[in-house]
Amino acid sequence: MMIIYQVMLHHRGPIMKFTLSLSRLESCSEIDLLILFVSSNDIQDFTLHISKGELYKLSSSLYSCLQLRHLNLSSCMIKPPPGFEGFTRLISLDLCDVVITDDVLSSLISNCPLLEDLRLHTSTSLHSLEVVGPNLKFVHCDGHFRSICFTNTSRLANVFMYLKGVRAELFCSEEEISCSVMLLDSVPVIESLGLDFCYVKGLAASGLPTRLPTTLNNLKDITLYDICFGKRDELSILMCLIRSSPNLEEITIEAFPGGTSDIPVDLDFTEVHGCLDVSLNKLL
């Protein structure tokens, strides 16, 4: 690591992109030096991946990189210093297994007004996340999110929400995910949508409507994961989503393994809100 640092010291001019990938965290001080160096050289694209070992507490010098346009972090602790006002030029943010509080993450996102691409992957639980993004176009959330609120996201076209990652209904209560149901009402311009069973359960907890309050006229493809065809409420929401999306071109459903064997023998798909009144003549 120090050899790399010594070589970099001989560089003259800006450093536009810097990627550091480590199999294990052994020394934080050396990483601090590298980040300090690139932070004073107009860094715009910064990636730090750590596979194993202790979490790295992100160096305070990174928060001074106001030219950043792309930030990709894994296995880091994020705690901005007092007075940090965000990355005003950031376009993409990718966080994987980072330690960060709900309010700090919400503040970080809202203080990146140009943010277009947001990817969150976490194995720890986040209680409440508010996503404010007037320029957001792509959101991928994969992990333990109890509730996510979208505000001022009128340009959001691609949304993928996997609230739990695995089907564990004992840990996926209606109370935990009911706040997330407002997504489909607040983002009517969605073109691509991916949801897991936990989100579908949240929709069902609010009742089994024939159609959504907002017609998703722009939705072209939808993907549903871990759907159990033996659950009438999940089938009803599936039909509801289809009926509310008249311009669908592609539908992908991944069934929960073993769930199809529980399909009731008397189940008639035409019973579920009369789905046959949907032409779906744009399906590829």
C-alpha atoms as a PDB file:
ATOM      1  CA  MET A   1       0.000   0.000   0.000  1.00  0.00           C
ATOM      2  CA  MET A   2       2.775   2.430   0.857  1.00  0.00           C
ATOM      3  CA  ILE A   3       4.540   1.667  -2.423  1.00  0.00           C
ATOM      4  CA  ILE A   4       1.354   2.637  -4.259  1.00  0.00           C
ATOM      5  CA  TYR A   5       1.167   5.824  -2.228  1.00  0.00           C
ATOM      6  CA  GLN A   6       4.809   6.722  -2.985  1.00  0.00           C
ATOM      7  CA  VAL A   7       4.242   6.186  -6.712  1.00  0.00           C
ATOM      8  CA  MET A   8       1.135   8.356  -6.652  1.00  0.00           C
ATOM      9  CA  LEU A   9       3.058  11.182  -5.000  1.00  0.00           C
ATOM     10  CA  HIS A  10       5.039  11.562  -8.237  1.00  0.00           C
ATOM     11  CA  HIS A  11       1.863  12.146 -10.233  1.00  0.00           C
ATOM     12  CA  ARG A  12       1.227  15.685 -11.413  1.00  0.00           C
ATOM     13  CA  GLY A  13      -2.223  16.784 -12.473  1.00  0.00           C
ATOM     14  CA  PRO A  14      -5.775  15.758 -11.625  1.00  0.00           C
ATOM     15  CA  ILE A  15      -6.846  12.211 -10.758  1.00  0.00           C
ATOM     16  CA  MET A  16     -10.258  11.702 -12.323  1.00  0.00           C
ATOM     17  CA  LYS A  17     -10.900   8.111 -11.208  1.00  0.00           C
ATOM     18  CA  PHE A  18      -9.545   6.014  -8.337  1.00  0.00           C
ATOM     19  CA  THR A  19     -10.466   2.423  -7.421  1.00  0.00           C
ATOM     20  CA  LEU A  20      -9.114   0.522  -4.420  1.00  0.00           C
ATOM     21  CA  SER A  21     -10.180  -3.095  -3.926  1.00  0.00           C
ATOM     22  CA  LEU A  22      -8.925  -4.984  -0.874  1.00  0.00           C
ATOM     23  CA  SER A  23      -9.461  -8.602   0.138  1.00  0.00           C
ATOM     24  CA  ARG A  24      -9.037  -7.651   3.795  1.00  0.00           C
ATOM     25  CA  LEU A  25      -8.752  -4.462   5.825  1.00  0.00           C
ATOM     26  CA  GLU A  26      -5.449  -4.391   7.708  1.00  0.00           C
ATOM     27  CA  SER A  27      -4.451  -0.744   8.020  1.00  0.00           C
ATOM     28  CA  CYS A  28      -6.757   2.251   8.036  1.00  0.00           C
ATOM     29  CA  SER A  29      -3.972   4.842   8.161  1.00  0.00           C
ATOM     30  CA  GLU A  30      -2.622   3.888   4.741  1.00  0.00           C
ATOM     31  CA  ILE A  31      -6.068   4.143   3.173  1.00  0.00           C
ATOM     32  CA  ASP A  32      -6.495   7.518   4.862  1.00  0.00           C
ATOM     33  CA  LEU A  33      -3.314   8.720   3.131  1.00  0.00           C
ATOM     34  CA  LEU A  34      -4.519   7.565  -0.278  1.00  0.00           C
ATOM     35  CA  ILE A  35      -7.902   9.238   0.150  1.00  0.00           C
ATOM     36  CA  LEU A  36      -6.242  12.420   1.381  1.00  0.00           C
ATOM     37  CA  PHE A  37      -4.057  12.475  -1.728  1.00  0.00           C
ATOM     38  CA  VAL A  38      -6.858  11.918  -4.265  1.00  0.00           C
ATOM     39  CA  SER A  39      -9.113  14.386  -2.434  1.00  0.00           C
ATOM     40  CA  SER A  40      -6.687  17.175  -3.297  1.00  0.00           C
ATOM     41  CA  ASN A  41      -6.503  16.154  -6.965  1.00  0.00           C
ATOM     42  CA  ASP A  42     -10.041  16.813  -8.224  1.00  0.00           C
ATOM     43  CA  ILE A  43     -11.232  13.199  -7.901  1.00  0.00           C
ATOM     44  CA  GLN A  44     -14.567  12.619  -9.673  1.00  0.00           C
ATOM     45  CA  ASP A  45     -15.012   8.833  -9.554  1.00  0.00           C
ATOM     46  CA  PHE A  46     -14.094   7.055  -6.302  1.00  0.00           C
ATOM     47  CA  THR A  47     -14.509   3.347  -5.482  1.00  0.00           C
ATOM     48  CA  LEU A  48     -13.469   1.540  -2.306  1.00  0.00           C
ATOM     49  CA  HIS A  49     -14.251  -2.168  -1.916  1.00  0.00           C
ATOM     50  CA  ILE A  50     -13.231  -4.190   1.135  1.00  0.00           C
ATOM     51  CA  SER A  51     -14.139  -7.879   1.144  1.00  0.00           C
ATOM     52  CA  LYS A  52     -13.217  -9.029   4.665  1.00  0.00           C
ATOM     53  CA  GLY A  53     -11.950  -7.772   7.977  1.00  0.00           C
ATOM     54  CA  GLU A  54     -13.077  -4.836  10.045  1.00  0.00           C
ATOM     55  CA  LEU A  55     -15.202  -2.036   8.707  1.00  0.00           C
ATOM     56  CA  TYR A  56     -13.296   0.987   7.512  1.00  0.00           C
ATOM     57  CA  LYS A  57     -14.325   4.344   8.956  1.00  0.00           C
ATOM     58  CA  LEU A  58     -14.378   6.602   5.949  1.00  0.00           C
ATOM     59  CA  SER A  59     -11.696   9.277   6.093  1.00  0.00           C
ATOM     60  CA  SER A  60     -13.006  12.781   6.697  1.00  0.00           C
ATOM     61  CA  SER A  61     -10.985  14.027   3.720  1.00  0.00           C
ATOM     62  CA  LEU A  62     -13.354  12.288   1.320  1.00  0.00           C
ATOM     63  CA  TYR A  63     -16.182  14.590   2.389  1.00  0.00           C
ATOM     64  CA  SER A  64     -14.193  17.502   0.965  1.00  0.00           C
ATOM     65  CA  CYS A  65     -14.283  15.976  -2.540  1.00  0.00           C
ATOM     66  CA  LEU A  66     -16.908  18.333  -3.891  1.00  0.00           C
ATOM     67  CA  GLN A  67     -16.083  17.386  -7.506  1.00  0.00           C
ATOM     68  CA  LEU A  68     -17.278  13.791  -6.962  1.00  0.00           C
ATOM     69  CA  ARG A  69     -19.676  12.485  -9.601  1.00  0.00           C
ATOM     70  CA  HIS A  70     -19.572   8.753  -8.828  1.00  0.00           C
ATOM     71  CA  LEU A  71     -19.150   7.190  -5.368  1.00  0.00           C
ATOM     72  CA  ASN A  72     -19.036   3.422  -4.758  1.00  0.00           C
ATOM     73  CA  LEU A  73     -18.349   2.101  -1.245  1.00  0.00           C
ATOM     74  CA  SER A  74     -18.513  -1.276   0.489  1.00  0.00           C
ATOM     75  CA  SER A  75     -17.798  -2.331   4.079  1.00  0.00           C
ATOM     76  CA  CYS A  76     -17.373   1.220   5.323  1.00  0.00           C
ATOM     77  CA  MET A  77     -18.650   3.294   8.230  1.00  0.00           C
ATOM     78  CA  ILE A  78     -20.112   6.580   7.024  1.00  0.00           C
ATOM     79  CA  LYS A  79     -20.341   9.432   9.491  1.00  0.00           C
ATOM     80  CA  PRO A  80     -19.972  12.853   7.826  1.00  0.00           C
ATOM     81  CA  PRO A  81     -18.406  15.657   9.873  1.00  0.00           C
ATOM     82  CA  PRO A  82     -20.594  18.467  11.247  1.00  0.00           C
ATOM     83  CA  GLY A  83     -21.439  20.985   8.585  1.00  0.00           C
ATOM     84  CA  PHE A  84     -21.167  18.565   5.668  1.00  0.00           C
ATOM     85  CA  GLU A  85     -23.565  19.798   2.986  1.00  0.00           C
ATOM     86  CA  GLY A  86     -23.457  16.856   0.595  1.00  0.00           C
ATOM     87  CA  PHE A  87     -21.919  16.105  -2.788  1.00  0.00           C
ATOM     88  CA  THR A  88     -23.627  18.648  -5.008  1.00  0.00           C
ATOM     89  CA  ARG A  89     -22.256  17.162  -8.243  1.00  0.00           C
ATOM     90  CA  LEU A  90     -22.775  13.478  -7.462  1.00  0.00           C
ATOM     91  CA  ILE A  91     -24.608  11.513 -10.183  1.00  0.00           C
ATOM     92  CA  SER A  92     -24.368   7.928  -8.898  1.00  0.00           C
ATOM     93  CA  LEU A  93     -24.182   6.495  -5.375  1.00  0.00           C
ATOM     94  CA  ASP A  94     -23.602   2.786  -4.689  1.00  0.00           C
ATOM     95  CA  LEU A  95     -23.421   1.630  -1.057  1.00  0.00           C
ATOM     96  CA  CYS A  96     -22.935  -2.029  -0.128  1.00  0.00           C
ATOM     97  CA  ASP A  97     -22.942  -3.230   3.486  1.00  0.00           C
ATOM     98  CA  VAL A  98     -22.079   0.168   4.880  1.00  0.00           C
ATOM     99  CA  VAL A  99     -22.813   1.233   8.447  1.00  0.00           C
ATOM    100  CA  ILE A 100     -24.881   4.404   8.395  1.00  0.00           C
ATOM    101  CA  THR A 101     -27.862   5.698  10.343  1.00  0.00           C
ATOM    102  CA  ASP A 102     -31.247   6.274   8.725  1.00  0.00           C
ATOM    103  CA  ASP A 103     -31.168  10.035   9.116  1.00  0.00           C
ATOM    104  CA  VAL A 104     -27.603  10.378   7.820  1.00  0.00           C
ATOM    105  CA  LEU A 105     -28.397   8.282   4.743  1.00  0.00           C
ATOM    106  CA  SER A 106     -31.584  10.263   4.059  1.00  0.00           C
ATOM    107  CA  SER A 107     -29.652  13.517   4.458  1.00  0.00           C
ATOM    108  CA  LEU A 108     -26.830  12.298   2.215  1.00  0.00           C
ATOM    109  CA  ILE A 109     -29.275  11.435  -0.581  1.00  0.00           C
ATOM    110  CA  SER A 110     -31.250  14.664  -0.309  1.00  0.00           C
ATOM    111  CA  ASN A 111     -28.018  16.706  -0.372  1.00  0.00           C
ATOM    112  CA  CYS A 112     -27.037  15.252  -3.744  1.00  0.00           C
ATOM    113  CA  PRO A 113     -29.462  17.231  -5.961  1.00  0.00           C
ATOM    114  CA  LEU A 114     -28.047  15.882  -9.247  1.00  0.00           C
ATOM    115  CA  LEU A 115     -28.208  12.225  -8.161  1.00  0.00           C
ATOM    116  CA  GLU A 116     -29.579   9.989 -10.929  1.00  0.00           C
ATOM    117  CA  ASP A 117     -28.541   6.471  -9.907  1.00  0.00           C
ATOM    118  CA  LEU A 118     -28.978   5.106  -6.343  1.00  0.00           C
ATOM    119  CA  ARG A 119     -28.055   1.540  -5.330  1.00  0.00           C
ATOM    120  CA  LEU A 120     -28.322   0.335  -1.730  1.00  0.00           C
ATOM    121  CA  HIS A 121     -27.375  -3.178  -0.617  1.00  0.00           C
ATOM    122  CA  THR A 122     -27.438  -3.844   3.098  1.00  0.00           C
ATOM    123  CA  SER A 123     -27.506  -6.845   5.419  1.00  0.00           C
ATOM    124  CA  THR A 124     -28.381  -4.710   8.435  1.00  0.00           C
ATOM    125  CA  SER A 125     -31.813  -3.287   9.129  1.00  0.00           C
ATOM    126  CA  LEU A 126     -32.752   0.302   8.333  1.00  0.00           C
ATOM    127  CA  HIS A 127     -35.907   1.496  10.038  1.00  0.00           C
ATOM    128  CA  SER A 128     -37.016   4.485   7.994  1.00  0.00           C
ATOM    129  CA  LEU A 129     -35.457   5.910   4.841  1.00  0.00           C
ATOM    130  CA  GLU A 130     -36.605   9.019   2.992  1.00  0.00           C
ATOM    131  CA  VAL A 131     -35.466   9.285  -0.609  1.00  0.00           C
ATOM    132  CA  VAL A 132     -35.596  12.818  -2.000  1.00  0.00           C
ATOM    133  CA  GLY A 133     -34.296  13.067  -5.555  1.00  0.00           C
ATOM    134  CA  PRO A 134     -35.647  15.431  -8.213  1.00  0.00           C
ATOM    135  CA  ASN A 135     -33.229  13.940 -10.779  1.00  0.00           C
ATOM    136  CA  LEU A 136     -33.350  10.294  -9.700  1.00  0.00           C
ATOM    137  CA  LYS A 137     -33.919   7.915 -12.617  1.00  0.00           C
ATOM    138  CA  PHE A 138     -32.771   4.569 -11.195  1.00  0.00           C
ATOM    139  CA  VAL A 139     -33.182   3.106  -7.688  1.00  0.00           C
ATOM    140  CA  HIS A 140     -32.178  -0.378  -6.543  1.00  0.00           C
ATOM    141  CA  CYS A 141     -32.748  -1.218  -2.858  1.00  0.00           C
ATOM    142  CA  ASP A 142     -31.817  -4.691  -1.668  1.00  0.00           C
ATOM    143  CA  GLY A 143     -31.848  -5.460   2.042  1.00  0.00           C
ATOM    144  CA  HIS A 144     -33.712  -5.064   5.309  1.00  0.00           C
ATOM    145  CA  PHE A 145     -35.734  -1.882   4.871  1.00  0.00           C
ATOM    146  CA  ARG A 146     -38.727  -1.468   7.165  1.00  0.00           C
ATOM    147  CA  SER A 147     -40.078   1.559   5.298  1.00  0.00           C
ATOM    148  CA  ILE A 148     -38.975   3.744   2.403  1.00  0.00           C
ATOM    149  CA  CYS A 149     -40.621   7.026   1.504  1.00  0.00           C
ATOM    150  CA  PHE A 150     -40.104   8.608  -1.929  1.00  0.00           C
ATOM    151  CA  THR A 151     -40.424  12.386  -2.182  1.00  0.00           C
ATOM    152  CA  ASN A 152     -39.944  14.642  -5.203  1.00  0.00           C
ATOM    153  CA  THR A 153     -38.952  11.772  -7.503  1.00  0.00           C
ATOM    154  CA  SER A 154     -40.975  12.669 -10.581  1.00  0.00           C
ATOM    155  CA  ARG A 155     -38.295  11.406 -13.000  1.00  0.00           C
ATOM    156  CA  LEU A 156     -37.844   7.985 -11.410  1.00  0.00           C
ATOM    157  CA  ALA A 157     -38.215   5.454 -14.231  1.00  0.00           C
ATOM    158  CA  ASN A 158     -36.498   2.286 -12.966  1.00  0.00           C
ATOM    159  CA  VAL A 159     -37.292   0.950  -9.495  1.00  0.00           C
ATOM    160  CA  PHE A 160     -36.209  -2.348  -7.945  1.00  0.00           C
ATOM    161  CA  MET A 161     -37.265  -2.963  -4.354  1.00  0.00           C
ATOM    162  CA  TYR A 162     -36.178  -6.138  -2.590  1.00  0.00           C
ATOM    163  CA  LEU A 163     -37.027  -5.484   1.036  1.00  0.00           C
ATOM    164  CA  LYS A 164     -35.803  -8.725   2.540  1.00  0.00           C
ATOM    165  CA  GLY A 165     -33.934 -10.745  -0.054  1.00  0.00           C
ATOM    166  CA  VAL A 166     -35.318 -14.098   1.153  1.00  0.00           C
ATOM    167  CA  ARG A 167     -38.812 -15.273   1.885  1.00  0.00           C
ATOM    168  CA  ALA A 168     -39.108 -15.156   5.669  1.00  0.00           C
ATOM    169  CA  GLU A 169     -42.676 -14.217   6.469  1.00  0.00           C
ATOM    170  CA  LEU A 170     -42.100 -14.437  10.209  1.00  0.00           C
ATOM    171  CA  PHE A 171     -39.816 -11.411   9.865  1.00  0.00           C
ATOM    172  CA  CYS A 172     -41.887  -9.527   7.328  1.00  0.00           C
ATOM    173  CA  SER A 173     -44.872  -8.086   9.128  1.00  0.00           C
ATOM    174  CA  GLU A 174     -47.556  -5.910   7.548  1.00  0.00           C
ATOM    175  CA  GLU A 175     -46.674  -3.097   9.969  1.00  0.00           C
ATOM    176  CA  GLU A 176     -43.043  -3.039   8.831  1.00  0.00           C
ATOM    177  CA  ILE A 177     -43.712  -2.643   5.125  1.00  0.00           C
ATOM    178  CA  SER A 178     -47.029  -0.793   4.903  1.00  0.00           C
ATOM    179  CA  CYS A 179     -45.232   2.569   4.588  1.00  0.00           C
ATOM    180  CA  SER A 180     -43.599   1.451   1.355  1.00  0.00           C
ATOM    181  CA  VAL A 181     -46.881   0.910  -0.477  1.00  0.00           C
ATOM    182  CA  MET A 182     -47.086   4.576  -1.442  1.00  0.00           C
ATOM    183  CA  LEU A 183     -44.318   4.078  -4.002  1.00  0.00           C
ATOM    184  CA  LEU A 184     -46.634   3.185  -6.871  1.00  0.00           C
ATOM    185  CA  ASP A 185     -48.834   6.203  -6.178  1.00  0.00           C
ATOM    186  CA  SER A 186     -45.987   8.696  -5.978  1.00  0.00           C
ATOM    187  CA  VAL A 187     -43.986   7.533  -9.028  1.00  0.00           C
ATOM    188  CA  PRO A 188     -46.433   7.183 -11.951  1.00  0.00           C
ATOM    189  CA  VAL A 189     -43.688   7.496 -14.603  1.00  0.00           C
ATOM    190  CA  ILE A 190     -42.060   4.154 -13.754  1.00  0.00           C
ATOM    191  CA  GLU A 191     -40.951   2.209 -16.840  1.00  0.00           C
ATOM    192  CA  SER A 192     -39.256  -0.815 -15.198  1.00  0.00           C
ATOM    193  CA  LEU A 193     -40.358  -2.255 -11.857  1.00  0.00           C
ATOM    194  CA  GLY A 194     -38.958  -5.083  -9.743  1.00  0.00           C
ATOM    195  CA  LEU A 195     -40.579  -6.151  -6.453  1.00  0.00           C
ATOM    196  CA  ASP A 196     -40.183  -9.040  -4.056  1.00  0.00           C
ATOM    197  CA  PHE A 197     -42.906 -10.878  -2.173  1.00  0.00           C
ATOM    198  CA  CYS A 198     -42.498  -8.680   0.888  1.00  0.00           C
ATOM    199  CA  TYR A 199     -43.532  -5.579  -1.014  1.00  0.00           C
ATOM    200  CA  VAL A 200     -46.437  -7.504  -2.539  1.00  0.00           C
ATOM    201  CA  LYS A 201     -47.510  -8.502   0.971  1.00  0.00           C
ATOM    202  CA  GLY A 202     -47.468  -4.842   1.913  1.00  0.00           C
ATOM    203  CA  LEU A 203     -49.811  -4.006  -0.953  1.00  0.00           C
ATOM    204  CA  ALA A 204     -52.125  -6.821   0.082  1.00  0.00           C
ATOM    205  CA  ALA A 205     -52.148  -5.553   3.683  1.00  0.00           C
ATOM    206  CA  SER A 206     -53.878  -2.392   2.462  1.00  0.00           C
ATOM    207  CA  GLY A 207     -56.643  -4.412   0.840  1.00  0.00           C
ATOM    208  CA  LEU A 208     -57.044  -6.208  -2.461  1.00  0.00           C
ATOM    209  CA  PRO A 209     -57.976  -3.536  -5.027  1.00  0.00           C
ATOM    210  CA  THR A 210     -58.976  -4.326  -8.579  1.00  0.00           C
ATOM    211  CA  ARG A 211     -56.630  -1.629  -9.826  1.00  0.00           C
ATOM    212  CA  LEU A 212     -54.107   0.742  -8.307  1.00  0.00           C
ATOM    213  CA  PRO A 213     -55.265   4.330  -7.649  1.00  0.00           C
ATOM    214  CA  THR A 214     -52.739   5.480 -10.277  1.00  0.00           C
ATOM    215  CA  THR A 215     -52.557   3.829 -13.695  1.00  0.00           C
ATOM    216  CA  LEU A 216     -48.955   3.009 -14.584  1.00  0.00           C
ATOM    217  CA  ASN A 217     -49.181   3.993 -18.231  1.00  0.00           C
ATOM    218  CA  ASN A 218     -45.410   4.129 -18.700  1.00  0.00           C
ATOM    219  CA  LEU A 219     -44.652   0.748 -17.147  1.00  0.00           C
ATOM    220  CA  LYS A 220     -43.151  -1.537 -19.787  1.00  0.00           C
ATOM    221  CA  ASP A 221     -41.692  -4.425 -17.802  1.00  0.00           C
ATOM    222  CA  ILE A 222     -42.323  -5.833 -14.365  1.00  0.00           C
ATOM    223  CA  THR A 223     -40.428  -8.499 -12.410  1.00  0.00           C
ATOM    224  CA  LEU A 224     -41.744 -10.164  -9.257  1.00  0.00           C
ATOM    225  CA  TYR A 225     -39.582 -12.393  -7.048  1.00  0.00           C
ATOM    226  CA  ASP A 226     -40.461 -15.191  -4.603  1.00  0.00           C
ATOM    227  CA  ILE A 227     -44.166 -15.067  -5.412  1.00  0.00           C
ATOM    228  CA  CYS A 228     -46.145 -17.972  -3.954  1.00  0.00           C
ATOM    229  CA  PHE A 229     -48.909 -19.065  -6.310  1.00  0.00           C
ATOM    230  CA  GLY A 230     -50.552 -20.818  -3.382  1.00  0.00           C
ATOM    231  CA  LYS A 231     -51.345 -17.450  -1.748  1.00  0.00           C
ATOM    232  CA  ARG A 232     -54.549 -15.836  -2.989  1.00  0.00           C
ATOM    233  CA  ASP A 233     -53.538 -12.383  -1.756  1.00  0.00           C
ATOM    234  CA  GLU A 234     -50.280 -12.500  -3.720  1.00  0.00           C
ATOM    235  CA  LEU A 235     -52.112 -13.635  -6.845  1.00  0.00           C
ATOM    236  CA  SER A 236     -54.645 -10.849  -6.398  1.00  0.00           C
ATOM    237  CA  ILE A 237     -51.921  -8.198  -6.189  1.00  0.00           C
ATOM    238  CA  LEU A 238     -50.223  -9.715  -9.225  1.00  0.00           C
ATOM    239  CA  MET A 239     -53.450  -9.343 -11.202  1.00  0.00           C
ATOM    240  CA  CYS A 240     -53.934  -5.844  -9.825  1.00  0.00           C
ATOM    241  CA  LEU A 241     -50.483  -4.769 -11.011  1.00  0.00           C
ATOM    242  CA  ILE A 242     -51.107  -6.202 -14.462  1.00  0.00           C
ATOM    243  CA  ARG A 243     -54.499  -4.542 -14.782  1.00  0.00           C
ATOM    244  CA  SER A 244     -53.009  -1.217 -13.713  1.00  0.00           C
ATOM    245  CA  SER A 245     -50.286  -1.402 -16.388  1.00  0.00           C
ATOM    246  CA  PRO A 246     -51.988  -1.382 -19.801  1.00  0.00           C
ATOM    247  CA  ASN A 247     -48.771  -0.927 -21.791  1.00  0.00           C
ATOM    248  CA  LEU A 248     -46.740  -3.812 -20.380  1.00  0.00           C
ATOM    249  CA  GLU A 249     -44.287  -5.369 -22.813  1.00  0.00           C
ATOM    250  CA  GLU A 250     -42.679  -7.958 -20.535  1.00  0.00           C
ATOM    251  CA  ILE A 251     -43.757  -9.782 -17.357  1.00  0.00           C
ATOM    252  CA  THR A 252     -41.308 -11.934 -15.367  1.00  0.00           C
ATOM    253  CA  ILE A 253     -42.401 -13.900 -12.303  1.00  0.00           C
ATOM    254  CA  GLU A 254     -40.049 -16.021 -10.225  1.00  0.00           C
ATOM    255  CA  ALA A 255     -42.101 -18.391  -8.092  1.00  0.00           C
ATOM    256  CA  PHE A 256     -41.145 -19.236  -4.533  1.00  0.00           C
ATOM    257  CA  PRO A 257     -39.617 -22.760  -4.584  1.00  0.00           C
ATOM    258  CA  GLY A 258     -42.151 -25.219  -3.253  1.00  0.00           C
ATOM    259  CA  GLY A 259     -44.934 -22.661  -3.229  1.00  0.00           C
ATOM    260  CA  THR A 260     -46.517 -23.840  -6.477  1.00  0.00           C
ATOM    261  CA  SER A 261     -47.370 -27.203  -4.905  1.00  0.00           C
ATOM    262  CA  ASP A 262     -49.743 -25.381  -2.554  1.00  0.00           C
ATOM    263  CA  ILE A 263     -51.930 -23.983  -5.337  1.00  0.00           C
ATOM    264  CA  PRO A 264     -55.552 -24.671  -4.360  1.00  0.00           C
ATOM    265  CA  VAL A 265     -57.176 -27.165  -6.700  1.00  0.00           C
ATOM    266  CA  ASP A 266     -60.248 -24.927  -6.988  1.00  0.00           C
ATOM    267  CA  LEU A 267     -58.242 -21.817  -7.962  1.00  0.00           C
ATOM    268  CA  ASP A 268     -59.649 -20.151 -11.063  1.00  0.00           C
ATOM    269  CA  PHE A 269     -57.395 -17.386 -12.345  1.00  0.00           C
ATOM    270  CA  THR A 270     -60.340 -15.691 -14.049  1.00  0.00           C
ATOM    271  CA  GLU A 271     -61.905 -15.219 -10.623  1.00  0.00           C
ATOM    272  CA  VAL A 272     -59.170 -12.873  -9.466  1.00  0.00           C
ATOM    273  CA  HIS A 273     -60.640  -9.480 -10.308  1.00  0.00           C
ATOM    274  CA  GLY A 274     -61.596 -10.523 -13.838  1.00  0.00           C
ATOM    275  CA  CYS A 275     -58.134 -10.173 -15.285  1.00  0.00           C
ATOM    276  CA  LEU A 276     -59.298 -11.195 -18.771  1.00  0.00           C
ATOM    277  CA  ASP A 277     -60.567  -7.678 -19.436  1.00  0.00           C
ATOM    278  CA  VAL A 278     -56.950  -6.598 -19.980  1.00  0.00           C
ATOM    279  CA  SER A 279     -55.801  -6.891 -23.571  1.00  0.00           C
ATOM    280  CA  LEU A 280     -52.026  -6.595 -22.966  1.00  0.00           C
ATOM    281  CA  ASN A 281     -51.583  -6.360 -26.715  1.00  0.00           C
ATOM    282  CA  LYS A 282     -48.091  -4.860 -26.316  1.00  0.00           C
ATOM    283  CA  LEU A 283     -46.549  -7.916 -24.672  1.00  0.00           C
ATOM    284  CA  LEU A 284     -43.483  -9.049 -26.615  1.00  0.00           C
END
